[in-house]
Structure formats: C-alpha cells, structure tokens
Amino acid sequence: MDLSRSTFYYQPLPEDPEDEILRTLLDEEFTARPFFGTRKLRIQLKKRGFQVNRKRVRRLMRELGLSVIYRKPRLSIPGRRHKIYPYLLRGLAIVKPNQVWSSDITSIRLAHGFVYLVAIIEVFSRTVISWALSTTLEKDFCLEALGEALRLGKPEIFNTDQGL
C-alpha cells in the first residue's frame, strides 16, 4: 500500500493547554517590547513563573507571526550621484525573440571563498545566452559574457538591475 505503519498508527498529541496561556503572555510582552528576541522573552516568561526553553518560545512566536524588530544591515544604498534610469519593461509585452535581454550577477559560496556568476538571458524564450564565472568582481568577465552574447544577436532592450 506504500504506507508505513508508523504513519498509519500515528496519533497526534493534543495541544498543551499551557501553550495558549504562553501565547497570550508572549503577545503581551512582544506588544510592550517588540525588540525582544527569544532569549529575553524566555526570561520574561521565567519571571512570571513559566519554565520554557527558547525553542518553544521560537515555535510559539512563529505560530503567532511575531518577528523581532531590529536594525537590519543596509547593504544596497546607492551613491548620492547615482543616476536612476527609468524601468523600460513596465507594461511591455514581450512577444518576440531578441526583444529583451536581461543580465544579473550572483555570488556562489565555495569552501575557500566565493565565485561570481554573470548570466545573460533572452527573456522571451527564457534561455541563457551566455554566462561567465570569476573569482573577483572585476568587470572583465561581464564584458566577456556580453561579447559572447552579442555574437549571437542584438537585443532591442538590454535590462539589468540598478543595484539599488
């Protein structure tokens, strides 16, 4: 029957009645201090007489849809003089090959560092036209991939993100 016995005989455990009380307390504490994470919330619950571990607090927070508010790293801030170009693809129907090409760069983590991959894609057919790898973020490998792609055709629009 392709059904294991452990699955067939499994009986789900009833929910712990203490979980509902903890959810209410977590909601109160989180509303008062939305910057508290699982460690501090666990301490607050301990002060109220509940012995819980961080995993349980994390699970209950996930069930409640709560996530901590904290300052996140601002990694993609454009320079002051960075020109913002208009987005040409908004509302454009892509109906033929070589109408739009797109390009992007991504990093791939390896055991001893990173390699960088640039890919140029023909948007209509969603085909990778060319790609290149590099261990540095120098422009040469991007130009190499672009040159290889231009030998195959010429797009009407070449779209890349602006790195914003």
C-alpha atoms as a PDB file:
ATOM      1  CA  MET A   1       0.000   0.000   0.000  1.00  0.00           C
ATOM      2  CA  ASP A   2       3.062   2.308   0.129  1.00  0.00           C
ATOM      3  CA  LEU A   3       2.084   3.464   3.610  1.00  0.00           C
ATOM      4  CA  SER A   4       4.408   2.911   6.541  1.00  0.00           C
ATOM      5  CA  ARG A   5       2.978   1.529   9.767  1.00  0.00           C
ATOM      6  CA  SER A   6       4.325   4.452  11.771  1.00  0.00           C
ATOM      7  CA  THR A   7       2.295   6.831   9.605  1.00  0.00           C
ATOM      8  CA  PHE A   8      -0.812   4.677   9.781  1.00  0.00           C
ATOM      9  CA  TYR A   9      -0.779   4.306  13.558  1.00  0.00           C
ATOM     10  CA  TYR A  10       0.337   7.867  14.320  1.00  0.00           C
ATOM     11  CA  GLN A  11      -1.900   9.626  16.815  1.00  0.00           C
ATOM     12  CA  PRO A  12      -1.245  13.369  17.074  1.00  0.00           C
ATOM     13  CA  LEU A  13      -0.737  14.598  20.614  1.00  0.00           C
ATOM     14  CA  PRO A  14      -3.314  17.038  21.946  1.00  0.00           C
ATOM     15  CA  GLU A  15      -2.103  20.612  22.247  1.00  0.00           C
ATOM     16  CA  ASP A  16      -0.645  21.549  25.610  1.00  0.00           C
ATOM     17  CA  PRO A  17      -3.171  23.806  27.415  1.00  0.00           C
ATOM     18  CA  GLU A  18      -0.245  25.854  28.720  1.00  0.00           C
ATOM     19  CA  ASP A  19       0.566  26.889  25.112  1.00  0.00           C
ATOM     20  CA  GLU A  20      -2.499  29.138  24.913  1.00  0.00           C
ATOM     21  CA  ILE A  21      -1.511  30.894  28.151  1.00  0.00           C
ATOM     22  CA  LEU A  22       2.050  31.295  26.845  1.00  0.00           C
ATOM     23  CA  ARG A  23       0.771  32.677  23.535  1.00  0.00           C
ATOM     24  CA  THR A  24      -1.227  35.322  25.390  1.00  0.00           C
ATOM     25  CA  LEU A  25       1.742  36.266  27.584  1.00  0.00           C
ATOM     26  CA  LEU A  26       4.117  36.343  24.608  1.00  0.00           C
ATOM     27  CA  ASP A  27       1.717  38.583  22.723  1.00  0.00           C
ATOM     28  CA  GLU A  28       1.535  40.983  25.696  1.00  0.00           C
ATOM     29  CA  GLU A  29       5.318  41.045  26.176  1.00  0.00           C
ATOM     30  CA  PHE A  30       6.005  41.400  22.470  1.00  0.00           C
ATOM     31  CA  THR A  31       3.494  44.252  22.139  1.00  0.00           C
ATOM     32  CA  ALA A  32       5.232  46.059  25.001  1.00  0.00           C
ATOM     33  CA  ARG A  33       8.762  45.286  23.758  1.00  0.00           C
ATOM     34  CA  PRO A  34       8.845  44.325  20.032  1.00  0.00           C
ATOM     35  CA  PHE A  35      12.650  44.383  20.076  1.00  0.00           C
ATOM     36  CA  PHE A  36      12.911  41.432  22.498  1.00  0.00           C
ATOM     37  CA  GLY A  37      14.067  38.171  20.930  1.00  0.00           C
ATOM     38  CA  THR A  38      13.528  34.613  22.114  1.00  0.00           C
ATOM     39  CA  ARG A  39      16.191  34.864  24.849  1.00  0.00           C
ATOM     40  CA  LYS A  40      14.734  37.908  26.587  1.00  0.00           C
ATOM     41  CA  LEU A  41      11.154  36.744  26.097  1.00  0.00           C
ATOM     42  CA  ARG A  42      12.059  33.440  27.736  1.00  0.00           C
ATOM     43  CA  ILE A  43      13.499  35.368  30.687  1.00  0.00           C
ATOM     44  CA  GLN A  44      10.298  37.431  30.941  1.00  0.00           C
ATOM     45  CA  LEU A  45       8.212  34.241  30.968  1.00  0.00           C
ATOM     46  CA  LYS A  46      10.512  32.753  33.603  1.00  0.00           C
ATOM     47  CA  LYS A  47       9.903  35.834  35.798  1.00  0.00           C
ATOM     48  CA  ARG A  48       6.178  35.112  35.503  1.00  0.00           C
ATOM     49  CA  GLY A  49       6.708  31.547  36.698  1.00  0.00           C
ATOM     50  CA  PHE A  50       6.820  29.593  33.420  1.00  0.00           C
ATOM     51  CA  GLN A  51       9.760  27.284  32.757  1.00  0.00           C
ATOM     52  CA  VAL A  52      10.116  27.235  28.942  1.00  0.00           C
ATOM     53  CA  ASN A  53      13.046  26.843  26.596  1.00  0.00           C
ATOM     54  CA  ARG A  54      13.979  29.041  23.622  1.00  0.00           C
ATOM     55  CA  LYS A  55      12.799  26.505  21.047  1.00  0.00           C
ATOM     56  CA  ARG A  56       9.303  26.587  22.488  1.00  0.00           C
ATOM     57  CA  VAL A  57       9.292  30.399  22.571  1.00  0.00           C
ATOM     58  CA  ARG A  58      10.507  30.445  18.951  1.00  0.00           C
ATOM     59  CA  ARG A  59       7.778  27.992  17.888  1.00  0.00           C
ATOM     60  CA  LEU A  60       5.054  29.985  19.611  1.00  0.00           C
ATOM     61  CA  MET A  61       6.342  33.246  18.130  1.00  0.00           C
ATOM     62  CA  ARG A  62       6.303  31.659  14.675  1.00  0.00           C
ATOM     63  CA  GLU A  63       2.716  30.467  15.233  1.00  0.00           C
ATOM     64  CA  LEU A  64       1.719  33.988  16.264  1.00  0.00           C
ATOM     65  CA  GLY A  65       3.528  35.521  13.296  1.00  0.00           C
ATOM     66  CA  LEU A  66       5.816  37.614  15.501  1.00  0.00           C
ATOM     67  CA  SER A  67       9.260  38.675  14.334  1.00  0.00           C
ATOM     68  CA  VAL A  68      11.688  40.875  16.190  1.00  0.00           C
ATOM     69  CA  ILE A  69      12.170  44.476  15.135  1.00  0.00           C
ATOM     70  CA  TYR A  70      15.851  45.371  14.856  1.00  0.00           C
ATOM     71  CA  ARG A  71      18.107  47.468  12.695  1.00  0.00           C
ATOM     72  CA  LYS A  72      18.968  45.451   9.614  1.00  0.00           C
ATOM     73  CA  PRO A  73      22.138  45.979   7.567  1.00  0.00           C
ATOM     74  CA  ARG A  74      21.743  48.486   4.771  1.00  0.00           C
ATOM     75  CA  LEU A  75      23.746  46.824   2.042  1.00  0.00           C
ATOM     76  CA  SER A  76      22.243  48.311  -1.107  1.00  0.00           C
ATOM     77  CA  ILE A  77      22.372  52.057  -0.694  1.00  0.00           C
ATOM     78  CA  PRO A  78      23.008  53.970  -3.932  1.00  0.00           C
ATOM     79  CA  GLY A  79      25.585  56.727  -4.059  1.00  0.00           C
ATOM     80  CA  ARG A  80      24.375  60.314  -3.888  1.00  0.00           C
ATOM     81  CA  ARG A  81      25.128  60.949  -7.540  1.00  0.00           C
ATOM     82  CA  HIS A  82      23.817  57.574  -8.734  1.00  0.00           C
ATOM     83  CA  LYS A  83      21.519  58.212 -11.685  1.00  0.00           C
ATOM     84  CA  ILE A  84      18.256  56.244 -11.596  1.00  0.00           C
ATOM     85  CA  TYR A  85      17.194  55.140 -15.049  1.00  0.00           C
ATOM     86  CA  PRO A  86      13.538  54.549 -15.974  1.00  0.00           C
ATOM     87  CA  TYR A  87      12.277  50.965 -15.924  1.00  0.00           C
ATOM     88  CA  LEU A  88      11.601  50.177 -19.585  1.00  0.00           C
ATOM     89  CA  LEU A  89       9.862  46.825 -19.130  1.00  0.00           C
ATOM     90  CA  ARG A  90       6.839  48.012 -17.099  1.00  0.00           C
ATOM     91  CA  GLY A  91       3.739  47.223 -19.143  1.00  0.00           C
ATOM     92  CA  LEU A  92       5.785  45.986 -22.111  1.00  0.00           C
ATOM     93  CA  ALA A  93       4.513  42.861 -23.854  1.00  0.00           C
ATOM     94  CA  ILE A  94       7.485  40.694 -24.763  1.00  0.00           C
ATOM     95  CA  VAL A  95       6.317  38.935 -27.909  1.00  0.00           C
ATOM     96  CA  LYS A  96       9.408  38.044 -29.942  1.00  0.00           C
ATOM     97  CA  PRO A  97      12.960  36.762 -29.562  1.00  0.00           C
ATOM     98  CA  ASN A  98      15.764  39.296 -29.059  1.00  0.00           C
ATOM     99  CA  GLN A  99      13.277  41.935 -27.951  1.00  0.00           C
ATOM    100  CA  VAL A 100      14.622  41.950 -24.372  1.00  0.00           C
ATOM    101  CA  TRP A 101      17.756  40.520 -22.847  1.00  0.00           C
ATOM    102  CA  SER A 102      18.408  40.593 -19.139  1.00  0.00           C
ATOM    103  CA  SER A 103      21.553  40.218 -17.087  1.00  0.00           C
ATOM    104  CA  ASP A 104      22.424  39.685 -13.439  1.00  0.00           C
ATOM    105  CA  ILE A 105      25.392  38.808 -11.257  1.00  0.00           C
ATOM    106  CA  THR A 106      25.270  36.498  -8.255  1.00  0.00           C
ATOM    107  CA  SER A 107      27.809  35.130  -5.812  1.00  0.00           C
ATOM    108  CA  ILE A 108      28.249  31.434  -5.089  1.00  0.00           C
ATOM    109  CA  ARG A 109      29.861  30.378  -1.792  1.00  0.00           C
ATOM    110  CA  LEU A 110      32.508  27.700  -2.038  1.00  0.00           C
ATOM    111  CA  ALA A 111      34.678  26.091   0.633  1.00  0.00           C
ATOM    112  CA  HIS A 112      37.516  28.583   0.112  1.00  0.00           C
ATOM    113  CA  GLY A 113      35.660  31.784  -0.822  1.00  0.00           C
ATOM    114  CA  PHE A 114      33.268  32.945  -3.496  1.00  0.00           C
ATOM    115  CA  VAL A 115      32.931  32.786  -7.246  1.00  0.00           C
ATOM    116  CA  TYR A 116      30.804  35.248  -9.157  1.00  0.00           C
ATOM    117  CA  LEU A 117      28.455  34.242 -11.957  1.00  0.00           C
ATOM    118  CA  VAL A 118      27.094  36.597 -14.589  1.00  0.00           C
ATOM    119  CA  ALA A 119      24.336  35.344 -16.878  1.00  0.00           C
ATOM    120  CA  ILE A 120      22.672  36.954 -19.878  1.00  0.00           C
ATOM    121  CA  ILE A 121      19.168  35.687 -20.573  1.00  0.00           C
ATOM    122  CA  GLU A 122      16.922  36.084 -23.604  1.00  0.00           C
ATOM    123  CA  VAL A 123      13.661  36.936 -21.838  1.00  0.00           C
ATOM    124  CA  PHE A 124      11.136  35.740 -24.457  1.00  0.00           C
ATOM    125  CA  SER A 125      12.438  32.159 -24.564  1.00  0.00           C
ATOM    126  CA  ARG A 126      13.994  32.288 -21.064  1.00  0.00           C
ATOM    127  CA  THR A 127      17.219  30.919 -22.484  1.00  0.00           C
ATOM    128  CA  VAL A 128      20.644  31.628 -21.047  1.00  0.00           C
ATOM    129  CA  ILE A 129      22.534  33.107 -23.985  1.00  0.00           C
ATOM    130  CA  SER A 130      25.907  33.361 -22.260  1.00  0.00           C
ATOM    131  CA  TRP A 131      27.483  33.202 -18.853  1.00  0.00           C
ATOM    132  CA  ALA A 132      30.855  33.598 -17.210  1.00  0.00           C
ATOM    133  CA  LEU A 133      32.493  32.840 -13.851  1.00  0.00           C
ATOM    134  CA  SER A 134      35.130  34.808 -11.984  1.00  0.00           C
ATOM    135  CA  THR A 135      36.826  34.718  -8.603  1.00  0.00           C
ATOM    136  CA  THR A 136      36.858  38.535  -8.478  1.00  0.00           C
ATOM    137  CA  LEU A 137      34.247  41.175  -9.192  1.00  0.00           C
ATOM    138  CA  GLU A 138      36.306  42.802 -11.932  1.00  0.00           C
ATOM    139  CA  LYS A 139      34.355  43.938 -14.994  1.00  0.00           C
ATOM    140  CA  ASP A 140      36.282  41.766 -17.475  1.00  0.00           C
ATOM    141  CA  PHE A 141      34.210  38.600 -17.051  1.00  0.00           C
ATOM    142  CA  CYS A 142      30.978  40.593 -17.522  1.00  0.00           C
ATOM    143  CA  LEU A 143      32.294  42.107 -20.740  1.00  0.00           C
ATOM    144  CA  GLU A 144      33.396  38.656 -21.890  1.00  0.00           C
ATOM    145  CA  ALA A 145      29.874  37.268 -21.374  1.00  0.00           C
ATOM    146  CA  LEU A 146      28.323  40.287 -23.115  1.00  0.00           C
ATOM    147  CA  GLY A 147      30.682  39.973 -26.085  1.00  0.00           C
ATOM    148  CA  GLU A 148      29.820  36.290 -26.448  1.00  0.00           C
ATOM    149  CA  ALA A 149      26.090  37.084 -26.329  1.00  0.00           C
ATOM    150  CA  LEU A 150      26.372  39.880 -28.912  1.00  0.00           C
ATOM    151  CA  ARG A 151      27.926  37.435 -31.373  1.00  0.00           C
ATOM    152  CA  LEU A 152      24.574  35.579 -31.329  1.00  0.00           C
ATOM    153  CA  GLY A 153      22.318  38.592 -31.875  1.00  0.00           C
ATOM    154  CA  LYS A 154      21.403  42.091 -30.771  1.00  0.00           C
ATOM    155  CA  PRO A 155      18.538  42.960 -28.415  1.00  0.00           C
ATOM    156  CA  GLU A 156      16.202  45.927 -28.671  1.00  0.00           C
ATOM    157  CA  ILE A 157      16.390  46.370 -24.869  1.00  0.00           C
ATOM    158  CA  PHE A 158      19.166  45.170 -22.567  1.00  0.00           C
ATOM    159  CA  ASN A 159      17.824  45.128 -18.991  1.00  0.00           C
ATOM    160  CA  THR A 160      19.883  44.929 -15.819  1.00  0.00           C
ATOM    161  CA  ASP A 161      19.017  45.909 -12.277  1.00  0.00           C
ATOM    162  CA  GLN A 162      20.484  49.150 -10.996  1.00  0.00           C
ATOM    163  CA  GLY A 163      21.880  47.661  -7.827  1.00  0.00           C
ATOM    164  CA  LEU A 164      19.629  49.786  -5.621  1.00  0.00           C
END
